[in-house]
Each structure stands twice: as structure tokens, then as C-alpha cells.
C-alpha atoms as a PDB file:
ATOM      1  CA  MET A   1     175.485 105.583  96.895  1.00  0.00           C
ATOM      2  CA  GLY A   2     171.714 105.615  96.574  1.00  0.00           C
ATOM      3  CA  LYS A   3     171.320 102.120  95.746  1.00  0.00           C
ATOM      4  CA  LEU A   4     173.618 101.230  98.708  1.00  0.00           C
ATOM      5  CA  ILE A   5     171.527 103.266 101.067  1.00  0.00           C
ATOM      6  CA  VAL A   6     168.177 101.818  99.732  1.00  0.00           C
ATOM      7  CA  SER A   7     169.971  98.348 100.078  1.00  0.00           C
ATOM      8  CA  ASP A   8     171.084  98.776 103.589  1.00  0.00           C
ATOM      9  CA  LEU A   9     167.826 100.264 104.745  1.00  0.00           C
ATOM     10  CA  LYS A  10     165.902  97.183 103.587  1.00  0.00           C
ATOM     11  CA  LYS A  11     168.389  94.742 105.151  1.00  0.00           C
ATOM     12  CA  LEU A  12     167.642  96.913 108.299  1.00  0.00           C
ATOM     13  CA  MET A  13     164.204  96.375 108.170  1.00  0.00           C
ATOM     14  CA  LYS A  14     164.562  92.837 107.994  1.00  0.00           C
ATOM     15  CA  CYS A  15     166.850  92.391 111.059  1.00  0.00           C
ATOM     16  CA  ARG A  16     164.862  90.860 113.541  1.00  0.00           C
ATOM     17  CA  THR A  17     166.771  92.613 116.559  1.00  0.00           C
ATOM     18  CA  VAL A  18     165.169  96.035 115.611  1.00  0.00           C
ATOM     19  CA  TRP A  19     161.901  94.916 115.706  1.00  0.00           C
ATOM     20  CA  VAL A  20     162.540  92.699 119.020  1.00  0.00           C
ATOM     21  CA  CYS A  21     163.850  95.424 120.752  1.00  0.00           C
ATOM     22  CA  ALA A  22     161.029  97.916 119.503  1.00  0.00           C
ATOM     23  CA  VAL A  23     158.621  95.726 120.802  1.00  0.00           C
ATOM     24  CA  ILE A  24     160.831  95.727 124.351  1.00  0.00           C
ATOM     25  CA  ALA A  25     160.962  99.173 124.239  1.00  0.00           C
ATOM     26  CA  PHE A  26     157.082  99.822 123.683  1.00  0.00           C
ATOM     27  CA  LEU A  27     156.495  97.611 126.730  1.00  0.00           C
ATOM     28  CA  ILE A  28     158.997  99.202 129.094  1.00  0.00           C
ATOM     29  CA  GLY A  29     157.826 102.642 128.050  1.00  0.00           C
ATOM     30  CA  MET A  30     154.438 101.305 129.330  1.00  0.00           C
ATOM     31  CA  LEU A  31     155.875 100.430 132.431  1.00  0.00           C
ATOM     32  CA  MET A  32     158.037 103.146 133.024  1.00  0.00           C
ATOM     33  CA  THR A  33     154.980 105.551 132.765  1.00  0.00           C
ATOM     34  CA  TYR A  34     153.290 103.201 135.778  1.00  0.00           C
ATOM     35  CA  LEU A  35     156.339 103.662 137.700  1.00  0.00           C
ATOM     36  CA  TYR A  36     156.814 107.290 137.429  1.00  0.00           C
ATOM     37  CA  ASP A  37     153.128 107.885 138.082  1.00  0.00           C
ATOM     38  CA  MET A  38     153.305 106.010 141.122  1.00  0.00           C
ATOM     39  CA  ALA A  39     156.383 107.531 142.422  1.00  0.00           C
ATOM     40  CA  TRP A  40     154.844 111.114 141.743  1.00  0.00           C
ATOM     41  CA  ASN A  41     151.941 109.765 143.819  1.00  0.00           C
ATOM     42  CA  ASN A  42     154.353 108.895 146.618  1.00  0.00           C
ATOM     43  CA  MET A  43     156.285 112.092 146.415  1.00  0.00           C
ATOM     44  CA  ALA A  44     153.138 114.040 146.210  1.00  0.00           C
ATOM     45  CA  ASP A  45     152.842 113.267 150.129  1.00  0.00           C
ATOM     46  CA  THR A  46     155.096 115.777 151.727  1.00  0.00           C
ATOM     47  CA  GLU A  47     156.337 113.266 154.760  1.00  0.00           C
ATOM     48  CA  ASN A  48     157.690 110.944 151.632  1.00  0.00           C
ATOM     49  CA  TYR A  49     159.334 113.769 150.062  1.00  0.00           C
ATOM     50  CA  GLN A  50     161.215 114.703 153.179  1.00  0.00           C
ATOM     51  CA  LYS A  51     162.043 111.083 153.809  1.00  0.00           C
ATOM     52  CA  VAL A  52     163.603 110.617 150.393  1.00  0.00           C
ATOM     53  CA  PHE A  53     165.205 114.085 150.689  1.00  0.00           C
ATOM     54  CA  TYR A  54     167.147 113.427 153.809  1.00  0.00           C
ATOM     55  CA  PHE A  55     168.013 109.946 152.699  1.00  0.00           C
ATOM     56  CA  MET A  56     169.650 111.115 149.842  1.00  0.00           C
ATOM     57  CA  ARG A  57     171.601 114.014 151.825  1.00  0.00           C
ATOM     58  CA  THR A  58     172.928 111.350 153.877  1.00  0.00           C
ATOM     59  CA  MET A  59     174.375 109.287 151.161  1.00  0.00           C
ATOM     60  CA  GLY A  60     176.617 112.367 150.382  1.00  0.00           C
ATOM     61  CA  MET A  61     174.345 114.668 147.970  1.00  0.00           C
ATOM     62  CA  ASP A  62     174.257 118.182 148.056  1.00  0.00           C
ATOM     63  CA  SER A  63     170.850 119.915 148.598  1.00  0.00           C
ATOM     64  CA  ASP A  64     170.873 121.121 145.067  1.00  0.00           C
ATOM     65  CA  THR A  65     171.807 117.699 143.654  1.00  0.00           C
ATOM     66  CA  THR A  66     168.931 116.125 145.494  1.00  0.00           C
ATOM     67  CA  LYS A  67     166.646 118.919 144.422  1.00  0.00           C
ATOM     68  CA  GLN A  68     167.322 118.515 140.657  1.00  0.00           C
ATOM     69  CA  MET A  69     167.320 114.468 140.900  1.00  0.00           C
ATOM     70  CA  LEU A  70     163.967 114.559 142.698  1.00  0.00           C
ATOM     71  CA  SER A  71     162.597 117.270 140.094  1.00  0.00           C
ATOM     72  CA  GLN A  72     162.743 114.424 137.769  1.00  0.00           C
ATOM     73  CA  PHE A  73     159.459 112.939 138.609  1.00  0.00           C
ATOM     74  CA  PRO A  74     157.309 113.938 135.882  1.00  0.00           C
ATOM     75  CA  SER A  75     154.082 115.987 137.468  1.00  0.00           C
ATOM     76  CA  GLN A  76     150.880 114.430 136.335  1.00  0.00           C
ATOM     77  CA  VAL A  77     150.711 116.011 132.859  1.00  0.00           C
ATOM     78  CA  PHE A  78     151.159 114.352 129.499  1.00  0.00           C
ATOM     79  CA  TRP A  79     154.027 116.494 128.089  1.00  0.00           C
ATOM     80  CA  GLN A  80     156.121 116.327 131.047  1.00  0.00           C
ATOM     81  CA  TYR A  81     155.464 112.148 131.067  1.00  0.00           C
ATOM     82  CA  ILE A  82     156.864 112.621 127.455  1.00  0.00           C
ATOM     83  CA  ASN A  83     159.655 114.764 128.297  1.00  0.00           C
ATOM     84  CA  THR A  84     160.969 112.472 130.607  1.00  0.00           C
ATOM     85  CA  LEU A  85     160.764 109.248 128.634  1.00  0.00           C
ATOM     86  CA  PHE A  86     163.234 111.080 126.209  1.00  0.00           C
ATOM     87  CA  SER A  87     165.727 111.800 129.137  1.00  0.00           C
ATOM     88  CA  ASP A  88     165.601 108.911 131.357  1.00  0.00           C
ATOM     89  CA  GLY A  89     168.165 106.943 129.754  1.00  0.00           C
ATOM     90  CA  ASN A  90     166.350 103.563 128.722  1.00  0.00           C
ATOM     91  CA  ILE A  91     166.292 104.583 124.872  1.00  0.00           C
ATOM     92  CA  ILE A  92     170.252 105.178 124.772  1.00  0.00           C
ATOM     93  CA  LEU A  93     170.263 101.466 126.586  1.00  0.00           C
ATOM     94  CA  PHE A  94     168.113  99.671 123.522  1.00  0.00           C
ATOM     95  CA  ALA A  95     169.525 101.865 121.131  1.00  0.00           C
ATOM     96  CA  ALA A  96     173.151 100.839 121.963  1.00  0.00           C
ATOM     97  CA  VAL A  97     171.895  96.725 121.601  1.00  0.00           C
ATOM     98  CA  VAL A  98     170.349  97.606 118.128  1.00  0.00           C
ATOM     99  CA  ILE A  99     173.133  99.404 116.600  1.00  0.00           C
ATOM    100  CA  SER A 100     175.787  97.049 118.206  1.00  0.00           C
ATOM    101  CA  VAL A 101     174.056  93.865 116.757  1.00  0.00           C
ATOM    102  CA  TYR A 102     173.241  95.679 113.392  1.00  0.00           C
ATOM    103  CA  ILE A 103     176.882  96.596 112.804  1.00  0.00           C
ATOM    104  CA  GLY A 104     178.124  93.424 114.298  1.00  0.00           C
ATOM    105  CA  SER A 105     176.464  91.393 112.239  1.00  0.00           C
ATOM    106  CA  GLU A 106     177.909  93.013 108.735  1.00  0.00           C
ATOM    107  CA  TYR A 107     181.655  92.106 110.230  1.00  0.00           C
ATOM    108  CA  ASN A 108     180.388  88.457 111.317  1.00  0.00           C
ATOM    109  CA  GLU A 109     178.419  87.771 108.153  1.00  0.00           C
ATOM    110  CA  GLY A 110     180.842  89.125 105.449  1.00  0.00           C
ATOM    111  CA  THR A 111     178.620  91.408 104.479  1.00  0.00           C
ATOM    112  CA  PHE A 112     181.255  94.523 104.391  1.00  0.00           C
ATOM    113  CA  LYS A 113     183.641  92.279 102.339  1.00  0.00           C
ATOM    114  CA  ASN A 114     180.871  91.438  99.469  1.00  0.00           C
ATOM    115  CA  THR A 115     179.894  95.226  99.439  1.00  0.00           C
ATOM    116  CA  LEU A 116     183.064  96.591  98.934  1.00  0.00           C
ATOM    117  CA  SER A 117     183.884  93.933  96.373  1.00  0.00           C
ATOM    118  CA  ARG A 118     180.906  95.505  94.363  1.00  0.00           C
ATOM    119  CA  GLY A 119     183.242  98.670  94.012  1.00  0.00           C
ATOM    120  CA  PHE A 120     181.828 101.090  96.759  1.00  0.00           C
ATOM    121  CA  SER A 121     183.971 103.096  98.412  1.00  0.00           C
ATOM    122  CA  ARG A 122     184.488 102.509 102.093  1.00  0.00           C
ATOM    123  CA  THR A 123     183.196 105.953 103.179  1.00  0.00           C
ATOM    124  CA  SER A 124     180.377 105.512 101.161  1.00  0.00           C
ATOM    125  CA  VAL A 125     179.631 102.437 102.971  1.00  0.00           C
ATOM    126  CA  TYR A 126     180.093 103.845 106.315  1.00  0.00           C
ATOM    127  CA  LEU A 127     177.998 106.767 105.626  1.00  0.00           C
ATOM    128  CA  SER A 128     175.589 104.250 104.372  1.00  0.00           C
ATOM    129  CA  LYS A 129     175.638 102.046 107.451  1.00  0.00           C
ATOM    130  CA  TYR A 130     175.251 104.987 109.379  1.00  0.00           C
ATOM    131  CA  ILE A 131     172.090 106.285 108.022  1.00  0.00           C
ATOM    132  CA  SER A 132     170.669 102.709 108.450  1.00  0.00           C
ATOM    133  CA  ALA A 133     171.803 103.262 112.177  1.00  0.00           C
ATOM    134  CA  VAL A 134     170.047 106.396 112.286  1.00  0.00           C
ATOM    135  CA  LEU A 135     166.657 104.782 111.152  1.00  0.00           C
ATOM    136  CA  ALA A 136     167.150 101.874 113.884  1.00  0.00           C
ATOM    137  CA  MET A 137     167.499 104.715 116.805  1.00  0.00           C
ATOM    138  CA  ALA A 138     164.555 106.389 115.277  1.00  0.00           C
ATOM    139  CA  ILE A 139     162.538 103.182 115.604  1.00  0.00           C
ATOM    140  CA  THR A 140     164.010 102.724 119.110  1.00  0.00           C
ATOM    141  CA  VAL A 141     162.651 106.288 120.136  1.00  0.00           C
ATOM    142  CA  VAL A 142     159.200 105.920 118.569  1.00  0.00           C
ATOM    143  CA  SER A 143     158.605 102.898 120.225  1.00  0.00           C
ATOM    144  CA  TYR A 144     159.504 103.710 123.686  1.00  0.00           C
ATOM    145  CA  ILE A 145     157.978 107.117 123.421  1.00  0.00           C
ATOM    146  CA  ALA A 146     154.510 105.654 121.923  1.00  0.00           C
ATOM    147  CA  GLY A 147     154.501 102.890 124.779  1.00  0.00           C
ATOM    148  CA  GLY A 148     155.052 105.586 127.576  1.00  0.00           C
ATOM    149  CA  GLY A 149     152.895 108.066 125.850  1.00  0.00           C
ATOM    150  CA  LEU A 150     149.810 105.657 125.347  1.00  0.00           C
ATOM    151  CA  ILE A 151     149.690 105.016 128.985  1.00  0.00           C
ATOM    152  CA  ALA A 152     150.159 108.409 129.628  1.00  0.00           C
ATOM    153  CA  ALA A 153     147.322 109.792 127.298  1.00  0.00           C
ATOM    154  CA  ILE A 154     145.108 107.275 128.947  1.00  0.00           C
ATOM    155  CA  LYS A 155     145.663 108.328 132.562  1.00  0.00           C
ATOM    156  CA  PHE A 156     145.887 112.022 131.989  1.00  0.00           C
ATOM    157  CA  ASP A 157     144.388 115.126 129.986  1.00  0.00           C
ATOM    158  CA  LEU A 158     146.318 115.589 126.683  1.00  0.00           C
ATOM    159  CA  THR A 159     147.493 119.178 128.057  1.00  0.00           C
ATOM    160  CA  THR A 160     150.665 120.658 128.717  1.00  0.00           C
ATOM    161  CA  ASP A 161     152.181 123.223 131.039  1.00  0.00           C
ATOM    162  CA  VAL A 162     154.917 124.615 128.664  1.00  0.00           C
ATOM    163  CA  THR A 163     154.703 126.635 125.685  1.00  0.00           C
ATOM    164  CA  ASP A 164     154.941 125.304 122.113  1.00  0.00           C
ATOM    165  CA  GLU A 165     158.292 126.777 121.458  1.00  0.00           C
ATOM    166  CA  GLU A 166     160.090 125.203 124.569  1.00  0.00           C
ATOM    167  CA  MET A 167     158.285 121.684 123.295  1.00  0.00           C
ATOM    168  CA  ILE A 168     160.017 122.163 119.659  1.00  0.00           C
ATOM    169  CA  ILE A 169     162.858 123.454 121.179  1.00  0.00           C
ATOM    170  CA  LYS A 170     163.459 120.285 123.513  1.00  0.00           C
ATOM    171  CA  VAL A 171     162.268 117.817 120.747  1.00  0.00           C
ATOM    172  CA  LEU A 172     164.956 119.557 118.689  1.00  0.00           C
ATOM    173  CA  ALA A 173     167.325 119.085 121.344  1.00  0.00           C
ATOM    174  CA  TYR A 174     166.853 115.148 121.568  1.00  0.00           C
ATOM    175  CA  SER A 175     166.844 114.530 118.251  1.00  0.00           C
ATOM    176  CA  VAL A 176     170.176 116.071 117.622  1.00  0.00           C
ATOM    177  CA  LEU A 177     171.339 114.288 120.302  1.00  0.00           C
ATOM    178  CA  PHE A 178     170.037 110.834 119.834  1.00  0.00           C
ATOM    179  CA  ILE A 179     171.411 111.533 115.852  1.00  0.00           C
ATOM    180  CA  ALA A 180     174.773 112.206 117.372  1.00  0.00           C
ATOM    181  CA  VAL A 181     174.822 109.120 119.843  1.00  0.00           C
ATOM    182  CA  THR A 182     174.422 107.206 117.132  1.00  0.00           C
ATOM    183  CA  GLY A 183     177.473 108.315 115.514  1.00  0.00           C
ATOM    184  CA  VAL A 184     179.350 107.087 118.700  1.00  0.00           C
ATOM    185  CA  PHE A 185     177.623 104.055 118.873  1.00  0.00           C
ATOM    186  CA  MET A 186     178.609 102.979 115.381  1.00  0.00           C
ATOM    187  CA  LEU A 187     182.285 104.163 115.887  1.00  0.00           C
ATOM    188  CA  ILE A 188     182.239 101.688 118.660  1.00  0.00           C
ATOM    189  CA  ALA A 189     180.838  99.069 117.311  1.00  0.00           C
ATOM    190  CA  ALA A 190     183.219  99.528 114.067  1.00  0.00           C
ATOM    191  CA  LEU A 191     186.194  99.476 116.221  1.00  0.00           C
ATOM    192  CA  SER A 192     185.191  96.319 118.279  1.00  0.00           C
ATOM    193  CA  LYS A 193     183.847  94.507 115.092  1.00  0.00           C
ATOM    194  CA  ARG A 194     182.261  91.971 117.423  1.00  0.00           C
ATOM    195  CA  THR A 195     178.313  92.021 118.302  1.00  0.00           C
ATOM    196  CA  GLY A 196     179.040  90.804 121.813  1.00  0.00           C
ATOM    197  CA  TYR A 197     181.951  93.471 122.255  1.00  0.00           C
ATOM    198  CA  ALA A 198     180.074  96.258 120.501  1.00  0.00           C
ATOM    199  CA  ILE A 199     177.240  95.687 122.931  1.00  0.00           C
ATOM    200  CA  ALA A 200     179.214  95.616 126.391  1.00  0.00           C
ATOM    201  CA  LEU A 201     181.187  98.975 125.416  1.00  0.00           C
ATOM    202  CA  ASN A 202     178.204 100.569 123.960  1.00  0.00           C
ATOM    203  CA  ILE A 203     176.244 100.073 127.319  1.00  0.00           C
ATOM    204  CA  VAL A 204     179.264 100.472 129.748  1.00  0.00           C
ATOM    205  CA  ILE A 205     181.313 103.279 128.606  1.00  0.00           C
ATOM    206  CA  PRO A 206     178.469 105.626 128.847  1.00  0.00           C
ATOM    207  CA  ILE A 207     177.379 104.673 131.912  1.00  0.00           C
ATOM    208  CA  ILE A 208     181.177 104.475 133.583  1.00  0.00           C
ATOM    209  CA  ILE A 209     182.245 107.992 132.741  1.00  0.00           C
ATOM    210  CA  SER A 210     178.674 109.239 133.461  1.00  0.00           C
ATOM    211  CA  LEU A 211     179.307 107.371 137.116  1.00  0.00           C
ATOM    212  CA  VAL A 212     182.810 108.835 137.668  1.00  0.00           C
ATOM    213  CA  VAL A 213     181.658 112.756 136.473  1.00  0.00           C
ATOM    214  CA  ARG A 214     178.668 112.578 139.023  1.00  0.00           C
ATOM    215  CA  ILE A 215     181.171 110.941 141.750  1.00  0.00           C
ATOM    216  CA  LEU A 216     183.803 113.425 141.124  1.00  0.00           C
ATOM    217  CA  SER A 217     181.041 116.449 141.103  1.00  0.00           C
ATOM    218  CA  PHE A 218     180.278 116.217 144.572  1.00  0.00           C
ATOM    219  CA  GLY A 219     184.036 117.238 144.907  1.00  0.00           C
ATOM    220  CA  PHE A 220     184.604 119.490 142.362  1.00  0.00           C
ATOM    221  CA  ASP A 221     182.293 122.392 141.070  1.00  0.00           C
ATOM    222  CA  TRP A 222     183.976 122.245 137.919  1.00  0.00           C
ATOM    223  CA  VAL A 223     183.264 118.717 137.101  1.00  0.00           C
ATOM    224  CA  THR A 224     179.386 119.766 137.648  1.00  0.00           C
ATOM    225  CA  ARG A 225     179.661 122.226 134.862  1.00  0.00           C
ATOM    226  CA  ILE A 226     181.919 119.736 132.474  1.00  0.00           C
ATOM    227  CA  ALA A 227     179.186 117.045 132.742  1.00  0.00           C
ATOM    228  CA  SER A 228     176.646 118.987 130.533  1.00  0.00           C
ATOM    229  CA  TYR A 229     179.624 118.889 127.662  1.00  0.00           C
ATOM    230  CA  TRP A 230     179.268 115.025 127.991  1.00  0.00           C
ATOM    231  CA  ILE A 231     176.713 113.910 125.825  1.00  0.00           C
ATOM    232  CA  PHE A 232     175.108 111.445 127.641  1.00  0.00           C
ATOM    233  CA  ASP A 233     174.575 113.399 130.561  1.00  0.00           C
ATOM    234  CA  ASN A 234     173.576 116.335 128.128  1.00  0.00           C
ATOM    235  CA  ILE A 235     170.330 114.197 127.202  1.00  0.00           C
ATOM    236  CA  THR A 236     169.351 113.858 130.730  1.00  0.00           C
ATOM    237  CA  LEU A 237     169.923 117.558 131.063  1.00  0.00           C
ATOM    238  CA  VAL A 238     168.081 118.867 128.702  1.00  0.00           C
ATOM    239  CA  THR A 239     165.237 120.565 130.723  1.00  0.00           C
ATOM    240  CA  THR A 240     167.694 121.961 133.243  1.00  0.00           C
ATOM    241  CA  LEU A 241     169.691 123.290 130.190  1.00  0.00           C
ATOM    242  CA  TYR A 242     166.820 125.297 128.731  1.00  0.00           C
ATOM    243  CA  GLU A 243     165.727 126.579 132.347  1.00  0.00           C
ATOM    244  CA  SER A 244     168.760 128.165 132.577  1.00  0.00           C
ATOM    245  CA  ASN A 245     168.998 129.223 128.905  1.00  0.00           C
ATOM    246  CA  ASP A 246     172.138 126.989 128.186  1.00  0.00           C
ATOM    247  CA  ILE A 247     170.294 124.933 125.654  1.00  0.00           C
ATOM    248  CA  CYS A 248     172.835 126.395 123.309  1.00  0.00           C
ATOM    249  CA  ILE A 249     175.269 123.778 124.357  1.00  0.00           C
ATOM    250  CA  THR A 250     173.359 120.903 123.416  1.00  0.00           C
ATOM    251  CA  PHE A 251     173.380 122.230 119.920  1.00  0.00           C
ATOM    252  CA  ILE A 252     176.951 122.745 119.780  1.00  0.00           C
ATOM    253  CA  ILE A 253     178.045 119.651 121.571  1.00  0.00           C
ATOM    254  CA  ALA A 254     175.826 117.277 119.562  1.00  0.00           C
ATOM    255  CA  PRO A 255     177.197 118.269 115.561  1.00  0.00           C
ATOM    256  CA  ILE A 256     180.708 118.184 117.416  1.00  0.00           C
ATOM    257  CA  TYR A 257     180.513 114.644 118.682  1.00  0.00           C
ATOM    258  CA  LEU A 258     178.730 113.456 115.368  1.00  0.00           C
ATOM    259  CA  ILE A 259     181.406 115.247 113.341  1.00  0.00           C
ATOM    260  CA  ILE A 260     184.325 113.892 115.246  1.00  0.00           C
ATOM    261  CA  SER A 261     182.877 110.189 115.708  1.00  0.00           C
ATOM    262  CA  LEU A 262     182.264 109.883 111.778  1.00  0.00           C
ATOM    263  CA  ALA A 263     185.602 110.969 110.954  1.00  0.00           C
ATOM    264  CA  VAL A 264     187.336 108.939 113.228  1.00  0.00           C
ATOM    265  CA  GLY A 265     185.293 106.067 112.495  1.00  0.00           C
ATOM    266  CA  MET A 266     185.508 106.387 108.570  1.00  0.00           C
ATOM    267  CA  PHE A 267     189.303 106.605 109.117  1.00  0.00           C
ATOM    268  CA  ALA A 268     189.522 103.543 111.048  1.00  0.00           C
ATOM    269  CA  PHE A 269     187.035 101.884 108.571  1.00  0.00           C
ATOM    270  CA  SER A 270     189.183 102.655 106.052  1.00  0.00           C
ATOM    271  CA  ARG A 271     192.083 100.992 107.625  1.00  0.00           C
ATOM    272  CA  GLN A 272     190.640  98.102 108.263  1.00  0.00           C
ATOM    273  CA  GLU A 273     191.377  94.452 107.213  1.00  0.00           C
ATOM    274  CA  ILE A 274     187.739  93.406 105.965  1.00  0.00           C
ATOM    275  CA  LYS A 275     187.306  89.385 106.194  1.00  0.00           C
END
């Protein structure tokens, strides 16, 4: 299996989509830091903050939800920008495209069939692709954070208003979540077997479910509590969960999502007709 993993990693490094998305992620990261900075400067004005607050209240959001959303804008501290970049959801969009294209191309180009004809088991093939997909996710994350972090480092002092322990725990939380999300994306891509379908489903499914959860949460408190168990929403709630001493939820659900997605993915892949 070692040779198979090395072969898949080499193939991934030659995938143009990975590097194109990495460059775009880097540039978008830079842009988002500028936008967050502009938003913060605007929100720092009490009058503007009150206008936005009351506008969101008139749209049906309760006070606690409104305050939580407005608190997501990072303060003028380097670490706060990095933390916001991790959780703002853009990484998920780029990763959805990269992983979908990478796995979808394996079906379109008949690579899976060629690999299986060399005697490798379907389980080893699926796990090897997953490991490569994790690297693709890592490249995406590093690119986006590096782009935004570069601008933040230029504009602000490399200071922090949190402890080393908090930073380590949050980075670990984001890491396990992204690793688990990779498994979910790969499962959907494997079930789709077509690049276009995989991209659409990997982008639409998280958005639709998160949207439904947020709408229902306005009328049902229990839905708000359940939202933290939906892995894509959990990414945006890492800071909130840490501050409420519920960060353990992240380290519990991430392995569960990963195990289930890998188990279902390998089962489905073992039953597929590979052409």
C-alpha cells in the first residue's frame, strides 16, 4: 500500500486544479483580511454598530444570535484574523472543488480501474485516495491562511490576546474538523462518480443543511443546540464552543463523522462497478 500512497501523492501534486485553487485561495485570503479590517473599522463606530444591530433584529434575528454574528468580526489583533480565516467557511468551498475534481477525475480517466487491475484491494485504494485528499485539504488551508495572514502580519503587530493553550486547542480543533470534512467530501465524490455532480453536491449540501438549521433555530431552541453537531457549522462555532467550555463536542463529533464517512465510502466503493 505504501507504493500506492506515494503514487497517489505524486499524482495529486501534478493536479493543476489543486495549485490553481491554492493560488486563488491565497489571493482570496488576502482580500478577506482587507474586508474584515474594513468591517471592523466600521463596526468600531458605535453608531454604525447600532444601525447594523437593529437592522439584523428587524430581519427576525434574536439579540443573542445577532450579537454572536457581529462578534465574529476580528479585532485588530493578528491571531483574531487567523482564527476568523479558519472559521469563515471559505476554506470549505475551495476544498470542496479540489477534492471533487481530484476524485472525480479518477473515475473519468479510468484510473481506478487501472489501479485495481494491478491487484490492489478496493479498501487500500480508497484509503490511499483519502490520504491524498487530506493533503489537498492541507494545501488549501495553508494557502488561504497564508494569504490572509500575510496581510494581517503587515497591518498589525504579531501580538495575541489569547493564551498559547487556547491557540493550540483551537488549531487542533480546526485540524480534526478539516480532516473529517475531507472524508465527507470524498464520500460524496465517490457516490457521485462525476466531477460536476460532486462539486455541486459538496457545495450545496453543507449550505442547504446549515441554512435549514439556522432558520429553524429562530423558533426552536433545541435546533440551536443541535447545530453544533453538524460538522460544517461546528467549524464556525469553535471559538464559541471554547468559550463555553464545550470544545469537547468538536473532538467527539469529528472522529464520528470521519469513521462513518470512511466506512460508508469504502462499502459503496466496494460495490461499485468501476469502468
